[in-house]
Amino acid sequence: MTALETQPHSHASGTDSEARPVFATEPRVLGLPASAWPRILAPLVIGVMALGLWEFAVWWNAIPQYILPGPILIGQTLIADWGTLSSSLWITLKITFMALAAAVIVGVTLAVLFTQSKWLEMSLLPYAVILQVTPIVAIAPLIIIWAGDINLSLLICAWIVAFFPILSNTILGLNSADHNLINLFQLYGATRWQTMRYLKLPAALPYFLAGLKISGGLALIGAVVAEFVAGTGGSASGLAYRILEAGYQLKIPRVFAALIMISLSGIAIFLATSWISHLLLRRWHESALKREN
């Protein structure tokens, strides 16, 4: 069956109906389209092969576990220490999501204000660039001292890292609206905020969502780096402290288990933001539309 077939003309009513295109539906395997499986299986096969080679290399060379543990031992450690590591992961993720939410609110608000006032953009945007290019490790100790509260300082550090991609992408999107449509809005007497709401904001949505994908991972990185710098202990400590603690005690399998949890969390955040982007763009934007070829 070809991808595009034509229905025969109908003569039942005495008139010929126009030929209508009928698209062949893609076969599905276990609920997913057949074309999606290679994208899922290919990285899984590579990952399994890499883990197998890792385990074999550790066994063959008799590498001590305090230098390089094998994947099986890391998995066992992850299961055994799940209670402690999962509670620490939740603390890190709370900081991450709060920082990402603050980055979205502040970044989008400033982007709208900057596009409404070029003087405001010229005055404040350079300071946003300075925040972006300044290493967070260098200023985190100062933020911790000035904030006076560990959780607040961690939130500020993670926000600084996640803020700029949303701001810059949203500004780019707002400035990318079709100027012919902007002139049309002006011709019909639309106010600046009506133009912003009905034209510029929808045009900026794909750019904002691209920045959101970047900032999601950066917020997690910022939270972890700030926890490393803070080095707080106790029951309300994030995964970074658990990594430091396990490193001091030479519990290297536990270090790898915590690193795996951070990596999987970053992947989950990226997949979640990609799914949100797909839901918002799939019906109208070129980047998300399905094509037959």
Protein backbone atom coordinates (compact mmCIF):
# COMPACT_ATOMS: atom_id res chain seq x y z
CA MET A 1 0.00 0.00 0.00
CA THR A 2 1.33 3.42 -0.91
CA ALA A 3 1.37 6.30 1.53
CA LEU A 4 -1.22 8.19 -0.51
CA GLU A 5 -4.21 6.56 -2.18
CA THR A 6 -7.20 8.00 -3.98
CA GLN A 7 -10.79 7.01 -3.35
CA PRO A 8 -12.83 6.07 -6.46
CA HIS A 9 -15.51 8.45 -7.75
CA SER A 10 -18.96 7.93 -6.25
CA HIS A 11 -21.87 7.69 -8.69
CA ALA A 12 -24.56 6.67 -6.18
CA SER A 13 -26.04 10.16 -5.94
CA GLY A 14 -25.71 10.89 -9.64
CA THR A 15 -22.81 13.31 -9.20
CA ASP A 16 -19.09 12.67 -9.13
CA SER A 17 -17.41 13.41 -5.81
CA GLU A 18 -13.91 14.77 -5.76
CA ALA A 19 -11.13 12.34 -5.09
CA ARG A 20 -10.00 12.56 -1.49
CA PRO A 21 -6.53 11.65 -0.25
CA VAL A 22 -6.32 8.81 2.24
CA PHE A 23 -3.08 8.58 4.26
CA ALA A 24 -1.90 5.15 5.29
CA THR A 25 -1.62 4.82 9.05
CA GLU A 26 1.77 3.86 10.43
CA PRO A 27 1.87 0.40 12.04
CA ARG A 28 2.28 0.35 15.82
CA VAL A 29 4.33 -2.03 17.92
CA LEU A 30 3.47 -2.33 21.63
CA GLY A 31 1.49 0.91 21.44
CA LEU A 32 4.28 2.96 19.81
CA PRO A 33 4.75 3.84 16.14
CA ALA A 34 7.18 1.49 14.39
CA SER A 35 9.44 4.42 13.44
CA ALA A 36 9.93 5.31 17.14
CA TRP A 37 11.51 2.00 18.12
CA PRO A 38 14.91 2.48 16.40
CA ARG A 39 15.37 5.75 18.33
CA ILE A 40 14.64 3.87 21.57
CA LEU A 41 16.51 0.64 20.92
CA ALA A 42 19.69 2.08 19.38
CA PRO A 43 20.85 4.00 22.50
CA LEU A 44 19.71 1.14 24.75
CA VAL A 45 21.83 -1.40 22.86
CA ILE A 46 24.86 0.91 22.96
CA GLY A 47 24.32 1.50 26.69
CA VAL A 48 24.03 -2.21 27.51
CA MET A 49 27.19 -2.95 25.50
CA ALA A 50 29.09 -0.17 27.28
CA LEU A 51 27.99 -1.42 30.71
CA GLY A 52 28.97 -4.97 29.78
CA LEU A 53 32.44 -3.86 28.67
CA TRP A 54 32.78 -1.80 31.86
CA GLU A 55 31.89 -4.76 34.08
CA PHE A 56 34.23 -7.05 32.13
CA ALA A 57 37.13 -4.57 32.35
CA VAL A 58 36.70 -4.22 36.13
CA TRP A 59 36.57 -8.01 36.58
CA TRP A 60 39.42 -8.78 34.16
CA ASN A 61 41.81 -6.22 35.67
CA ALA A 62 40.69 -6.90 39.26
CA ILE A 63 40.21 -3.17 39.87
CA PRO A 64 39.41 -2.46 43.56
CA GLN A 65 35.95 -1.09 44.19
CA TYR A 66 37.33 2.01 45.93
CA ILE A 67 38.95 2.97 42.60
CA LEU A 68 36.36 1.91 40.03
CA PRO A 69 33.33 -0.22 40.94
CA GLY A 70 31.48 -2.24 38.34
CA PRO A 71 27.92 -1.51 37.19
CA ILE A 72 26.52 -4.49 39.13
CA LEU A 73 27.99 -3.27 42.43
CA ILE A 74 26.77 0.26 41.69
CA GLY A 75 23.26 -1.09 41.09
CA GLN A 76 23.35 -3.05 44.33
CA THR A 77 24.52 0.06 46.20
CA LEU A 78 21.76 2.13 44.62
CA ILE A 79 19.16 -0.34 45.89
CA ALA A 80 20.73 -0.68 49.34
CA ASP A 81 21.10 3.10 49.90
CA TRP A 82 17.90 4.11 48.14
CA GLY A 83 16.27 5.52 51.27
CA THR A 84 19.05 7.98 52.04
CA LEU A 85 19.85 8.89 48.43
CA SER A 86 16.23 9.37 47.35
CA SER A 87 15.49 11.80 50.20
CA SER A 88 18.62 13.78 49.30
CA LEU A 89 17.60 13.73 45.63
CA TRP A 90 14.22 15.21 46.52
CA ILE A 91 15.93 18.09 48.35
CA THR A 92 18.10 18.81 45.29
CA LEU A 93 15.11 18.60 42.94
CA LYS A 94 13.09 21.01 45.09
CA ILE A 95 15.82 23.62 44.73
CA THR A 96 16.03 22.85 41.00
CA PHE A 97 12.32 23.28 40.29
CA MET A 98 12.03 26.40 42.43
CA ALA A 99 15.01 27.94 40.64
CA LEU A 100 13.57 27.01 37.24
CA ALA A 101 10.19 28.52 38.12
CA ALA A 102 11.85 31.73 39.30
CA ALA A 103 13.96 31.82 36.12
CA VAL A 104 10.84 31.51 33.97
CA ILE A 105 8.94 34.23 35.83
CA VAL A 106 11.80 36.72 35.99
CA GLY A 107 13.20 35.88 32.56
CA VAL A 108 9.92 36.21 30.67
CA THR A 109 8.91 39.36 32.57
CA LEU A 110 12.22 41.07 31.84
CA ALA A 111 12.13 39.94 28.21
CA VAL A 112 8.72 41.55 27.72
CA LEU A 113 9.85 44.75 29.43
CA PHE A 114 13.06 44.87 27.39
CA THR A 115 11.18 44.56 24.10
CA GLN A 116 8.81 47.32 25.18
CA SER A 117 11.63 49.68 26.15
CA LYS A 118 14.95 49.66 24.30
CA TRP A 119 16.42 52.02 26.91
CA LEU A 120 15.60 49.49 29.63
CA GLU A 121 17.18 46.71 27.58
CA MET A 122 20.36 48.69 26.92
CA SER A 123 20.60 49.57 30.63
CA LEU A 124 20.01 46.17 32.24
CA LEU A 125 20.85 43.46 29.68
CA PRO A 126 24.64 43.86 30.13
CA TYR A 127 24.26 43.00 33.82
CA ALA A 128 22.35 39.85 32.91
CA VAL A 129 25.25 38.92 30.63
CA ILE A 130 27.69 39.53 33.50
CA LEU A 131 25.69 37.16 35.72
CA GLN A 132 25.79 34.53 32.99
CA VAL A 133 29.54 34.65 32.30
CA THR A 134 30.61 34.82 35.96
CA PRO A 135 31.45 31.28 37.22
CA ILE A 136 28.90 30.31 39.84
CA VAL A 137 31.62 28.51 41.83
CA ALA A 138 33.41 31.84 42.28
CA ILE A 139 30.44 33.78 43.64
CA ALA A 140 28.59 30.99 45.48
CA PRO A 141 30.57 31.47 48.74
CA LEU A 142 29.69 35.18 48.74
CA ILE A 143 26.01 34.43 48.08
CA ILE A 144 25.99 31.92 50.94
CA ILE A 145 27.47 34.52 53.29
CA TRP A 146 25.18 37.35 52.18
CA ALA A 147 21.95 35.34 52.06
CA GLY A 148 22.37 33.96 55.56
CA ASP A 149 20.12 31.00 54.76
CA ILE A 150 21.44 27.89 53.06
CA ASN A 151 18.27 27.04 51.13
CA LEU A 152 17.89 30.61 49.90
CA SER A 153 21.52 30.77 48.81
CA LEU A 154 21.22 27.47 46.93
CA LEU A 155 18.10 28.79 45.22
CA ILE A 156 19.84 32.01 44.17
CA CYS A 157 22.83 30.12 42.76
CA ALA A 158 20.66 27.74 40.75
CA TRP A 159 18.51 30.65 39.52
CA ILE A 160 21.55 32.59 38.28
CA VAL A 161 22.62 29.63 36.15
CA ALA A 162 19.13 28.96 34.72
CA PHE A 163 18.00 32.55 34.19
CA PHE A 164 19.91 33.78 31.14
CA PRO A 165 18.89 31.17 28.51
CA ILE A 166 15.22 31.91 29.11
CA LEU A 167 15.79 35.67 29.00
CA SER A 168 17.89 35.66 25.82
CA ASN A 169 15.73 33.14 23.94
CA THR A 170 12.52 34.93 24.82
CA ILE A 171 13.95 38.30 23.73
CA LEU A 172 15.00 36.70 20.44
CA GLY A 173 11.53 35.23 19.96
CA LEU A 174 9.73 38.49 20.73
CA ASN A 175 11.95 40.33 18.25
CA SER A 176 11.36 37.65 15.59
CA ALA A 177 7.66 38.42 15.05
CA ASP A 178 6.80 39.13 11.41
CA HIS A 179 7.19 42.88 10.85
CA ASN A 180 4.49 42.84 8.19
CA LEU A 181 2.05 41.51 10.76
CA ILE A 182 3.25 44.12 13.26
CA ASN A 183 2.49 46.83 10.68
CA LEU A 184 -0.92 45.26 10.10
CA PHE A 185 -1.68 45.37 13.83
CA GLN A 186 -0.66 49.04 13.90
CA LEU A 187 -2.83 49.74 10.85
CA TYR A 188 -5.86 48.38 12.68
CA GLY A 189 -5.09 50.45 15.77
CA ALA A 190 -3.88 47.68 18.10
CA THR A 191 -2.15 48.85 21.25
CA ARG A 192 1.38 47.77 22.11
CA TRP A 193 0.13 45.29 24.68
CA GLN A 194 -2.45 43.85 22.27
CA THR A 195 0.34 43.36 19.73
CA MET A 196 2.43 41.74 22.46
CA ARG A 197 -0.36 39.40 23.57
CA TYR A 198 -1.77 38.30 20.23
CA LEU A 199 1.32 38.40 18.00
CA LYS A 200 4.70 38.62 19.72
CA LEU A 201 4.10 36.19 22.60
CA PRO A 202 2.83 33.37 20.32
CA ALA A 203 5.77 34.02 17.97
CA ALA A 204 8.19 33.81 20.91
CA LEU A 205 6.76 30.56 22.32
CA PRO A 206 9.06 28.16 20.37
CA TYR A 207 12.11 30.21 21.37
CA PHE A 208 11.01 30.29 25.01
CA LEU A 209 10.49 26.51 25.04
CA ALA A 210 13.96 25.99 23.57
CA GLY A 211 15.38 28.10 26.39
CA LEU A 212 13.33 26.13 28.91
CA LYS A 213 14.94 22.86 27.77
CA ILE A 214 18.38 24.36 28.35
CA SER A 215 17.52 26.00 31.66
CA GLY A 216 16.01 22.81 33.10
CA GLY A 217 19.37 21.05 33.01
CA LEU A 218 21.27 24.16 34.04
CA ALA A 219 19.07 24.62 37.12
CA LEU A 220 19.96 21.09 38.24
CA ILE A 221 23.66 21.76 37.62
CA GLY A 222 23.47 25.04 39.53
CA ALA A 223 21.77 23.40 42.49
CA VAL A 224 24.36 20.61 42.66
CA VAL A 225 27.32 22.98 42.30
CA ALA A 226 25.94 25.27 45.01
CA GLU A 227 25.49 22.26 47.33
CA PHE A 228 29.10 21.29 46.71
CA VAL A 229 30.24 24.78 47.68
CA ALA A 230 27.93 24.99 50.70
CA GLY A 231 28.91 21.52 51.94
CA THR A 232 26.00 21.38 54.38
CA GLY A 233 25.37 18.21 56.35
CA GLY A 234 22.55 16.69 58.32
CA SER A 235 19.32 15.03 57.29
CA ALA A 236 18.27 17.93 55.03
CA SER A 237 21.23 17.61 52.67
CA GLY A 238 21.13 17.23 48.91
CA LEU A 239 22.84 14.67 46.73
CA ALA A 240 25.99 16.77 46.34
CA TYR A 241 26.71 16.47 50.06
CA ARG A 242 26.09 12.71 49.89
CA ILE A 243 28.70 12.52 47.09
CA LEU A 244 31.21 14.47 49.21
CA GLU A 245 30.45 12.33 52.25
CA ALA A 246 30.86 9.07 50.32
CA GLY A 247 34.08 10.33 48.74
CA TYR A 248 35.61 11.15 52.13
CA GLN A 249 34.71 7.64 53.32
CA LEU A 250 35.97 6.01 50.07
CA LYS A 251 32.49 4.61 49.39
CA ILE A 252 32.99 5.01 45.66
CA PRO A 253 30.03 2.77 44.63
CA ARG A 254 27.79 5.17 46.55
CA VAL A 255 29.37 8.12 44.71
CA PHE A 256 28.53 6.50 41.37
CA ALA A 257 25.01 5.66 42.54
CA ALA A 258 24.38 9.31 43.45
CA LEU A 259 25.84 10.45 40.12
CA ILE A 260 23.52 8.10 38.27
CA MET A 261 20.53 9.54 40.14
CA ILE A 262 21.57 13.08 39.18
CA SER A 263 22.07 12.09 35.54
CA LEU A 264 18.73 10.31 35.32
CA SER A 265 17.05 13.31 36.93
CA GLY A 266 18.57 15.59 34.30
CA ILE A 267 17.36 13.29 31.53
CA ALA A 268 13.87 13.23 33.06
CA ILE A 269 13.79 17.04 33.22
CA PHE A 270 14.86 17.27 29.56
CA LEU A 271 12.23 14.73 28.49
CA ALA A 272 9.53 16.54 30.48
CA THR A 273 10.35 19.93 28.95
CA SER A 274 10.53 18.33 25.48
CA TRP A 275 7.09 16.79 26.04
CA ILE A 276 5.67 20.15 27.13
CA SER A 277 7.20 21.74 24.03
CA HIS A 278 5.65 19.08 21.81
CA LEU A 279 2.21 19.52 23.36
CA LEU A 280 2.26 23.28 22.87
CA LEU A 281 3.68 23.30 19.33
CA ARG A 282 2.45 20.10 17.68
CA ARG A 283 -0.63 21.62 16.05
CA TRP A 284 0.85 24.72 14.46
CA HIS A 285 4.64 25.09 14.51
CA GLU A 286 6.87 23.70 11.78
CA SER A 287 9.33 22.16 14.24
CA ALA A 288 6.68 19.85 15.73
CA LEU A 289 4.43 19.05 12.77
CA LYS A 290 4.46 15.48 11.47
CA ARG A 291 5.30 15.03 7.81
CA GLU A 292 4.89 12.12 5.46
CA ASN A 293 8.43 12.58 4.09
